Amino acid sequence: MSNRTARRSRWKGSLGIASLITLGIFVLSLGLGRYAIPPSQVAVLLWEIITGQFDPAQATEPARVLYYIRLPRILLAALTGAALAGAGTLFQGMFRNPLVSPDVLGVSSGAALGAALGILLPGGSSATIQIFAFTMGILAVALTYGIAKVSRGQSIVMLVLAGVVVSAFFEAALSFLKYVADPYEELPAIVFWLMGGFHRASWPLVRALLFTVLPGMAVLLLTSWKLNILSLGDEEAMSLGINVSLLRPFLIAAATLMVASTVSASGTIAWVGLVVPHIARILAGADHDQSMPVSMVMGAGFVLLMDDLARTLTTAEIPVGILTAAVGAPFFGYLLIKGTREAWK
């Protein structure tokens, strides 16, 4: 068996196992919660929803819980995990740095500042908070890219440094907003939003995310083979016929759109875009054409599992961002100790 055939077989096996595990977590998640639903009833309700037989007007209480509360939340968690993991894979390959995460260009800091502004506005609704978070996340990345363009030096290095500058500025502005916020109502709302969670999930929110996350995921999957060339460096990529000045901002825009959308809907979900791409590389190999889909599927399953724990560990729901950090940080340390050099060759 040739090396290429062995790598492809390894990739298919990794993607198949990851897909089965994620699908299992998805189905299991539908029955978990304070209002437990038996697996047999979950299967019947899912079949009614898929085939269009579900009637909200005549639905039983378990059916309403599943359709209006649990299913949109699970879909939001899966979309968030897939988007963050895919963006993390993109940025780690593009910047040739295994320590890069999706918020390297300041999108999370910008979205956090936007959400705080939305919370402080008189009569600010959930939609207002999400719009402000999304807009400020996009603005932060635009500022980062603008600073990098007018700076001298290597474009990759300048992008990272500009992201550090913009993130620091937006975090300072966020700290100021927390300082002037009402400590009894506004400040707790800001802090709770920053911890991340899916309790705001609804069908309109999920549908809105589908129009931003799915196109971004499609772009990353279709161009992942070009990321292999782009990760060689600008000069090498241009010598192989890649238009770096066009491809890089295009991929950054697609990833930013995904991350800003998910962060505006669920808050800051840490470590997913840093840890999951590493695991995908170890399982599927360094070829981004193969590691990208594995990373997205694993990201969806990981965030779904963390949300299940958040809903069931205690009587009060734990913010998902706390759990992803609590699990992701030690696991990343384990990966560093074991060594992942082979995955980055």
Protein backbone atom coordinates (compact mmCIF):
# COMPACT_ATOMS: atom_id res chain seq x y z
CA MET A 1 0.00 0.00 0.00
CA SER A 2 1.43 3.40 -1.01
CA ASN A 3 1.83 6.23 1.49
CA ARG A 4 -0.90 8.24 -0.26
CA THR A 5 -3.36 5.35 -0.05
CA ALA A 6 -2.47 4.78 3.61
CA ARG A 7 -2.99 8.46 4.44
CA ARG A 8 -6.35 8.50 2.66
CA SER A 9 -7.44 5.34 4.47
CA ARG A 10 -6.37 6.90 7.76
CA TRP A 11 -8.34 10.04 6.96
CA LYS A 12 -11.51 8.12 6.04
CA GLY A 13 -11.28 6.12 9.24
CA SER A 14 -10.78 9.23 11.39
CA LEU A 15 -13.64 11.09 9.70
CA GLY A 16 -15.96 8.09 9.96
CA ILE A 17 -15.27 7.53 13.67
CA ALA A 18 -15.55 11.25 14.46
CA SER A 19 -18.85 11.47 12.56
CA LEU A 20 -20.33 8.46 14.36
CA ILE A 21 -19.29 9.78 17.78
CA THR A 22 -20.66 13.25 17.03
CA LEU A 23 -23.93 11.80 15.72
CA GLY A 24 -24.23 9.68 18.87
CA ILE A 25 -23.66 12.73 21.09
CA PHE A 26 -26.24 14.65 19.04
CA VAL A 27 -28.92 12.01 19.52
CA LEU A 28 -28.03 11.53 23.19
CA SER A 29 -28.22 15.28 23.78
CA LEU A 30 -31.84 15.40 22.67
CA GLY A 31 -32.93 13.31 25.63
CA LEU A 32 -30.68 14.83 28.28
CA GLY A 33 -31.68 17.66 30.60
CA ARG A 34 -33.86 18.46 33.57
CA TYR A 35 -36.80 17.20 31.54
CA ALA A 36 -35.57 13.77 30.45
CA ILE A 37 -37.04 12.28 27.26
CA PRO A 38 -36.71 8.51 26.62
CA PRO A 39 -34.69 7.53 23.51
CA SER A 40 -37.70 5.82 21.92
CA GLN A 41 -39.75 9.00 22.23
CA VAL A 42 -36.86 11.09 20.89
CA ALA A 43 -36.69 8.84 17.81
CA VAL A 44 -40.44 9.16 17.16
CA LEU A 45 -40.41 12.94 17.57
CA LEU A 46 -37.36 13.32 15.34
CA TRP A 47 -39.04 11.26 12.64
CA GLU A 48 -42.17 13.43 12.84
CA ILE A 49 -40.08 16.62 12.56
CA ILE A 50 -38.01 15.31 9.63
CA THR A 51 -41.05 14.04 7.70
CA GLY A 52 -43.11 17.18 8.37
CA GLN A 53 -45.71 15.41 10.52
CA PHE A 54 -44.96 17.53 13.59
CA ASP A 55 -47.84 19.84 14.54
CA PRO A 56 -46.90 22.45 17.19
CA ALA A 57 -50.57 23.13 17.97
CA GLN A 58 -51.20 19.51 19.01
CA ALA A 59 -47.73 18.69 20.35
CA THR A 60 -47.27 17.10 23.74
CA GLU A 61 -45.09 18.68 26.40
CA PRO A 62 -42.04 16.48 25.61
CA ALA A 63 -42.44 17.33 21.93
CA ARG A 64 -42.53 21.08 22.67
CA VAL A 65 -39.45 20.80 24.90
CA LEU A 66 -37.59 18.93 22.17
CA TYR A 67 -38.65 21.16 19.29
CA TYR A 68 -38.62 24.65 20.82
CA ILE A 69 -35.85 24.37 23.42
CA ARG A 70 -33.55 21.41 23.01
CA LEU A 71 -33.20 21.01 19.23
CA PRO A 72 -32.30 24.66 18.44
CA ARG A 73 -29.84 24.67 21.34
CA ILE A 74 -28.14 21.50 20.10
CA LEU A 75 -27.94 22.82 16.54
CA LEU A 76 -26.49 26.11 17.79
CA ALA A 77 -23.86 24.25 19.83
CA ALA A 78 -22.92 22.04 16.87
CA LEU A 79 -22.63 25.01 14.49
CA THR A 80 -20.52 26.91 17.01
CA GLY A 81 -18.13 24.01 17.56
CA ALA A 82 -17.72 23.31 13.84
CA ALA A 83 -17.15 26.99 13.03
CA LEU A 84 -14.58 27.57 15.78
CA ALA A 85 -12.67 24.37 15.00
CA GLY A 86 -12.66 25.10 11.26
CA ALA A 87 -11.48 28.67 11.80
CA GLY A 88 -8.78 27.42 14.18
CA THR A 89 -7.52 24.95 11.57
CA LEU A 90 -7.44 27.71 8.97
CA PHE A 91 -5.52 30.21 11.10
CA GLN A 92 -3.04 27.67 12.43
CA GLY A 93 -2.22 26.60 8.89
CA MET A 94 -2.22 30.09 7.42
CA PHE A 95 0.00 31.57 10.14
CA ARG A 96 2.09 28.39 10.41
CA ASN A 97 1.72 28.56 14.18
CA PRO A 98 0.15 25.77 16.31
CA LEU A 99 -0.62 28.27 19.10
CA VAL A 100 -2.95 30.41 16.99
CA SER A 101 -6.69 30.41 17.74
CA PRO A 102 -9.67 31.99 15.91
CA ASP A 103 -9.52 35.15 18.04
CA VAL A 104 -5.93 35.95 16.95
CA LEU A 105 -7.21 38.82 14.77
CA GLY A 106 -9.32 40.36 17.53
CA VAL A 107 -12.76 39.05 16.56
CA SER A 108 -13.61 37.77 20.05
CA SER A 109 -12.47 40.99 21.74
CA GLY A 110 -14.49 43.06 19.29
CA ALA A 111 -17.60 40.92 19.72
CA ALA A 112 -17.27 41.10 23.51
CA LEU A 113 -17.08 44.89 23.39
CA GLY A 114 -20.07 45.02 21.06
CA ALA A 115 -22.12 42.79 23.36
CA ALA A 116 -21.26 45.01 26.34
CA LEU A 117 -22.37 48.07 24.40
CA GLY A 118 -25.63 46.33 23.50
CA ILE A 119 -26.25 45.41 27.15
CA LEU A 120 -25.60 48.98 28.33
CA LEU A 121 -27.96 50.54 25.80
CA PRO A 122 -31.37 51.46 27.25
CA GLY A 123 -33.86 48.74 26.39
CA GLY A 124 -31.22 46.61 24.69
CA SER A 125 -32.74 43.32 23.53
CA SER A 126 -31.03 40.02 22.71
CA ALA A 127 -31.18 40.91 19.02
CA THR A 128 -29.50 44.27 19.72
CA ILE A 129 -26.72 42.56 21.68
CA GLN A 130 -26.12 40.06 18.88
CA ILE A 131 -26.07 42.75 16.18
CA PHE A 132 -23.61 44.90 18.12
CA ALA A 133 -21.41 41.88 18.90
CA PHE A 134 -21.36 40.76 15.27
CA THR A 135 -20.66 44.25 13.93
CA MET A 136 -17.86 44.99 16.38
CA GLY A 137 -16.27 41.59 15.72
CA ILE A 138 -16.15 42.34 12.00
CA LEU A 139 -14.85 45.86 12.72
CA ALA A 140 -12.04 44.52 14.90
CA VAL A 141 -10.77 42.23 12.15
CA ALA A 142 -11.09 45.02 9.58
CA LEU A 143 -8.93 47.25 11.82
CA THR A 144 -6.40 44.46 12.26
CA TYR A 145 -6.13 43.89 8.54
CA GLY A 146 -5.96 47.64 7.85
CA ILE A 147 -3.11 48.14 10.32
CA ALA A 148 -1.23 45.18 8.84
CA LYS A 149 -1.64 46.52 5.30
CA VAL A 150 -0.11 49.93 6.06
CA SER A 151 2.70 48.47 8.18
CA ARG A 152 6.06 47.37 6.88
CA GLY A 153 7.38 43.86 7.30
CA GLN A 154 6.15 40.35 6.60
CA SER A 155 2.39 40.29 6.17
CA ILE A 156 1.87 37.23 8.40
CA VAL A 157 3.86 38.72 11.27
CA MET A 158 2.15 42.09 10.88
CA LEU A 159 -1.30 40.48 10.96
CA VAL A 160 -0.54 38.72 14.24
CA LEU A 161 0.99 41.83 15.82
CA ALA A 162 -1.88 44.01 14.61
CA GLY A 163 -4.31 41.48 16.10
CA VAL A 164 -2.54 41.79 19.45
CA VAL A 165 -2.80 45.58 19.30
CA VAL A 166 -6.49 45.62 18.36
CA SER A 167 -7.37 42.95 20.94
CA ALA A 168 -5.61 44.89 23.69
CA PHE A 169 -7.43 48.10 22.76
CA PHE A 170 -10.86 46.46 22.62
CA GLU A 171 -10.23 44.63 25.90
CA ALA A 172 -9.30 47.94 27.53
CA ALA A 173 -12.52 49.47 26.23
CA LEU A 174 -14.45 46.47 27.56
CA SER A 175 -12.84 46.88 30.98
CA PHE A 176 -13.92 50.51 31.01
CA LEU A 177 -17.50 49.56 30.16
CA LYS A 178 -17.52 47.02 32.97
CA TYR A 179 -16.19 49.71 35.31
CA VAL A 180 -19.02 52.15 34.50
CA ALA A 181 -21.76 49.49 34.28
CA ASP A 182 -24.42 49.13 36.95
CA PRO A 183 -22.94 46.55 39.38
CA TYR A 184 -26.36 45.06 40.17
CA GLU A 185 -27.80 44.45 36.70
CA GLU A 186 -25.57 45.42 33.78
CA LEU A 187 -22.22 44.16 35.08
CA PRO A 188 -23.49 40.61 35.87
CA ALA A 189 -25.13 40.46 32.43
CA ILE A 190 -21.84 41.41 30.74
CA VAL A 191 -19.81 38.92 32.78
CA PHE A 192 -22.31 36.11 32.20
CA TRP A 193 -22.34 36.79 28.45
CA LEU A 194 -18.53 36.66 28.33
CA MET A 195 -18.56 33.20 29.92
CA GLY A 196 -20.40 31.78 26.91
CA GLY A 197 -23.48 29.58 26.70
CA PHE A 198 -26.35 28.44 24.52
CA HIS A 199 -29.31 29.35 26.72
CA ARG A 200 -30.34 32.06 24.23
CA ALA A 201 -30.85 29.50 21.45
CA SER A 202 -33.98 29.80 19.31
CA TRP A 203 -35.05 28.81 15.81
CA PRO A 204 -34.70 32.37 14.40
CA LEU A 205 -31.15 32.53 15.80
CA VAL A 206 -30.23 29.15 14.32
CA ARG A 207 -31.66 30.11 10.92
CA ALA A 208 -29.68 33.36 10.96
CA LEU A 209 -26.48 31.46 11.72
CA LEU A 210 -27.09 29.03 8.88
CA PHE A 211 -26.76 31.91 6.38
CA THR A 212 -23.33 32.90 7.76
CA VAL A 213 -21.75 29.73 9.14
CA LEU A 214 -22.61 27.22 6.39
CA PRO A 215 -21.24 29.35 3.50
CA GLY A 216 -18.07 29.98 5.52
CA MET A 217 -17.66 26.27 6.22
CA ALA A 218 -18.18 25.49 2.53
CA VAL A 219 -15.49 28.00 1.55
CA LEU A 220 -12.99 26.52 4.02
CA LEU A 221 -13.69 22.96 2.89
CA LEU A 222 -13.47 23.77 -0.83
CA THR A 223 -10.23 25.78 -0.51
CA SER A 224 -8.49 23.68 2.15
CA TRP A 225 -6.16 22.18 -0.46
CA LYS A 226 -4.95 25.69 -1.26
CA LEU A 227 -4.22 26.18 2.44
CA ASN A 228 -1.55 23.50 2.11
CA ILE A 229 0.22 25.69 -0.43
CA LEU A 230 -0.43 28.90 1.49
CA SER A 231 1.17 27.41 4.62
CA LEU A 232 4.48 27.02 2.72
CA GLY A 233 4.97 30.80 2.74
CA ASP A 234 4.05 33.68 0.47
CA GLU A 235 6.93 33.32 -1.96
CA GLU A 236 6.46 29.58 -2.38
CA ALA A 237 2.69 29.96 -2.77
CA MET A 238 3.05 32.66 -5.43
CA SER A 239 5.60 30.57 -7.32
CA LEU A 240 3.00 27.76 -7.43
CA GLY A 241 0.37 30.05 -8.93
CA ILE A 242 -1.58 31.07 -5.80
CA ASN A 243 -2.77 34.69 -5.67
CA VAL A 244 -1.84 35.28 -2.02
CA SER A 245 -3.04 38.88 -1.89
CA LEU A 246 -6.52 37.71 -2.92
CA LEU A 247 -6.78 34.30 -1.26
CA ARG A 248 -5.63 35.27 2.23
CA PRO A 249 -8.15 38.11 2.81
CA PHE A 250 -10.88 35.97 1.25
CA LEU A 251 -10.23 33.10 3.69
CA ILE A 252 -9.87 35.50 6.63
CA ALA A 253 -13.21 37.10 5.72
CA ALA A 254 -14.94 33.70 5.57
CA ALA A 255 -13.51 32.59 8.92
CA THR A 256 -14.23 35.95 10.54
CA LEU A 257 -17.84 35.83 9.39
CA MET A 258 -18.25 32.39 10.99
CA VAL A 259 -16.54 33.26 14.27
CA ALA A 260 -18.24 36.64 14.66
CA SER A 261 -21.64 35.02 14.05
CA THR A 262 -21.14 32.26 16.62
CA VAL A 263 -19.58 34.56 19.23
CA SER A 264 -22.42 37.06 18.85
CA ALA A 265 -24.94 34.24 19.44
CA SER A 266 -23.24 32.25 22.21
CA GLY A 267 -20.58 34.45 23.78
CA THR A 268 -16.93 33.47 24.14
CA ILE A 269 -16.37 29.71 23.91
CA ALA A 270 -12.68 29.28 24.69
CA TRP A 271 -10.09 26.69 23.60
CA VAL A 272 -12.21 24.93 20.96
CA GLY A 273 -10.39 26.54 18.05
CA LEU A 274 -7.01 25.86 19.64
CA VAL A 275 -7.26 22.27 20.89
CA VAL A 276 -9.55 20.54 18.38
CA PRO A 277 -7.41 21.32 15.28
CA HIS A 278 -4.43 19.70 17.04
CA ILE A 279 -6.38 16.51 17.67
CA ALA A 280 -7.64 16.49 14.08
CA ARG A 281 -4.08 16.83 12.79
CA ILE A 282 -2.92 13.93 14.93
CA LEU A 283 -5.77 11.72 13.72
CA ALA A 284 -6.03 12.74 10.06
CA GLY A 285 -2.56 14.06 9.27
CA ALA A 286 -1.15 17.45 8.32
CA ASP A 287 -2.97 17.69 4.97
CA HIS A 288 -5.56 20.44 5.49
CA ASP A 289 -7.77 18.90 2.83
CA GLN A 290 -8.20 15.99 5.24
CA SER A 291 -7.81 17.58 8.66
CA MET A 292 -10.32 20.40 7.99
CA PRO A 293 -13.50 18.22 7.79
CA VAL A 294 -12.31 16.05 10.71
CA SER A 295 -11.70 19.19 12.77
CA MET A 296 -15.17 20.58 12.03
CA VAL A 297 -16.92 17.32 12.93
CA MET A 298 -14.87 16.93 16.12
CA GLY A 299 -15.50 20.56 17.08
CA ALA A 300 -19.24 20.05 16.81
CA GLY A 301 -19.09 16.90 18.94
CA PHE A 302 -16.83 18.47 21.57
CA VAL A 303 -19.01 21.54 22.09
CA LEU A 304 -22.16 19.38 22.16
CA LEU A 305 -20.59 17.23 24.89
CA MET A 306 -19.57 20.30 26.91
CA ASP A 307 -23.10 21.71 26.61
CA ASP A 308 -24.54 18.40 27.84
CA LEU A 309 -22.29 18.60 30.88
CA ALA A 310 -23.26 22.25 31.42
CA ARG A 311 -26.95 21.30 31.48
CA THR A 312 -26.68 18.20 33.66
CA LEU A 313 -23.76 18.49 36.12
CA THR A 314 -25.49 20.84 38.57
CA THR A 315 -28.95 22.20 39.22
CA ALA A 316 -27.81 25.62 37.93
CA GLU A 317 -26.50 25.67 34.37
CA ILE A 318 -22.72 26.10 34.10
CA PRO A 319 -21.50 28.48 31.38
CA VAL A 320 -20.11 26.38 28.55
CA GLY A 321 -17.03 28.59 28.18
CA ILE A 322 -15.91 27.57 31.67
CA LEU A 323 -16.13 23.88 30.83
CA THR A 324 -14.35 24.15 27.48
CA ALA A 325 -11.49 25.99 29.19
CA ALA A 326 -11.40 23.56 32.12
CA VAL A 327 -11.19 20.57 29.76
CA GLY A 328 -9.27 22.16 26.89
CA ALA A 329 -6.38 23.69 28.84
CA PRO A 330 -5.23 20.48 30.62
CA PHE A 331 -5.70 18.45 27.44
CA PHE A 332 -3.61 20.93 25.47
CA GLY A 333 -0.95 20.62 28.15
CA TYR A 334 -1.07 16.85 27.68
CA LEU A 335 -0.60 17.27 23.93
CA LEU A 336 2.43 19.50 24.57
CA ILE A 337 3.95 16.95 26.94
CA LYS A 338 3.36 14.03 24.58
CA GLY A 339 4.64 16.08 21.65
CA THR A 340 2.80 16.81 18.40
CA ARG A 341 5.82 17.42 16.20
CA GLU A 342 4.85 14.65 13.78
CA ALA A 343 1.45 16.23 13.17
CA TRP A 344 3.10 19.50 12.11
CA LYS A 345 5.56 18.10 9.60
